[in-house]
Amino acid sequence: LLGSVIGAPETWGLDAAFPAAFVALLGPHIRKRPGQVAAVVGAALAVAFTPIAPAGVPLLVAAFAVIPGWLVGRGEAAA
């Protein structure tokens, strides 16, 4: 809507804003085991799918890493 007014995000340094915000939100979650499992599985899936999948697909596949993290958290809650 305001893209022509704002201009290129690189000139404002906004190209790094989203990844920085994501890392800031991720920090507290990887202190516990379920978050660590999800992070490792997600990174492995993203790296594995990068050479064989179209752009954007590795990120979507890595999002499924929340499932093993959720299962680990569920198992710890039951113990």
Protein backbone atom coordinates (compact mmCIF):
# COMPACT_ATOMS: atom_id res chain seq x y z
CA LEU A 1 0.00 0.00 0.00
CA LEU A 2 2.76 2.43 0.93
CA GLY A 3 5.57 0.66 -0.91
CA SER A 4 6.18 3.52 -3.31
CA VAL A 5 6.38 5.99 -0.41
CA ILE A 6 8.68 3.89 1.76
CA GLY A 7 11.05 2.86 -1.02
CA ALA A 8 13.56 0.03 -0.90
CA PRO A 9 13.80 -1.70 2.48
CA GLU A 10 17.58 -2.05 2.08
CA THR A 11 17.98 1.73 2.43
CA TRP A 12 16.27 1.62 5.83
CA GLY A 13 18.03 -1.52 6.98
CA LEU A 14 14.68 -3.30 7.20
CA ASP A 15 15.93 -6.31 5.25
CA ALA A 16 17.48 -7.61 8.48
CA ALA A 17 14.65 -6.58 10.80
CA PHE A 18 12.48 -9.68 10.37
CA PRO A 19 15.31 -12.21 10.89
CA ALA A 20 16.51 -10.25 13.93
CA ALA A 21 13.01 -10.21 15.42
CA PHE A 22 12.64 -13.93 14.75
CA VAL A 23 15.94 -14.73 16.49
CA ALA A 24 14.91 -12.56 19.45
CA LEU A 25 11.63 -14.47 19.76
CA LEU A 26 13.39 -17.81 19.35
CA GLY A 27 15.90 -17.26 22.16
CA PRO A 28 13.72 -18.06 25.18
CA HIS A 29 12.24 -21.14 23.51
CA ILE A 30 15.53 -22.93 22.85
CA ARG A 31 16.45 -23.00 26.52
CA LYS A 32 14.23 -26.04 27.06
CA ARG A 33 14.52 -29.50 25.52
CA PRO A 34 11.42 -29.35 23.24
CA GLY A 35 12.63 -26.10 21.72
CA GLN A 36 16.11 -27.50 21.19
CA VAL A 37 14.70 -30.57 19.44
CA ALA A 38 12.51 -28.43 17.19
CA ALA A 39 15.44 -26.13 16.34
CA VAL A 40 17.82 -28.96 15.46
CA VAL A 41 15.25 -30.91 13.44
CA GLY A 42 14.10 -27.74 11.67
CA ALA A 43 17.64 -26.74 10.75
CA ALA A 44 18.43 -30.25 9.51
CA LEU A 45 15.28 -30.34 7.37
CA ALA A 46 15.97 -26.89 5.90
CA VAL A 47 19.56 -27.80 5.02
CA ALA A 48 18.51 -31.16 3.57
CA PHE A 49 15.76 -29.71 1.38
CA THR A 50 17.62 -26.61 0.17
CA PRO A 51 19.43 -28.29 -2.76
CA ILE A 52 16.43 -30.31 -3.95
CA ALA A 53 13.38 -28.10 -3.40
CA PRO A 54 12.26 -24.79 -4.91
CA ALA A 55 12.86 -21.59 -2.95
CA GLY A 56 10.61 -21.27 0.08
CA VAL A 57 9.80 -24.97 0.37
CA PRO A 58 12.66 -25.79 2.80
CA LEU A 59 11.28 -23.19 5.19
CA LEU A 60 7.81 -24.73 5.02
CA VAL A 61 9.22 -28.23 5.53
CA ALA A 62 11.29 -27.01 8.49
CA ALA A 63 8.11 -25.68 10.09
CA PHE A 64 7.04 -29.28 10.62
CA ALA A 65 9.89 -29.56 13.15
CA VAL A 66 7.48 -28.32 15.79
CA ILE A 67 5.93 -31.80 15.78
CA PRO A 68 8.98 -33.64 17.24
CA GLY A 69 9.48 -30.75 19.68
CA TRP A 70 5.86 -30.98 20.75
CA LEU A 71 6.15 -34.75 21.22
CA VAL A 72 9.27 -34.35 23.37
CA GLY A 73 7.50 -31.71 25.48
CA ARG A 74 4.46 -33.91 25.82
CA GLY A 75 6.61 -36.83 26.96
CA GLU A 76 8.39 -34.68 29.55
CA ALA A 77 5.07 -33.41 30.90
CA ALA A 78 3.81 -36.97 31.36
CA ALA A 79 6.96 -38.09 33.20
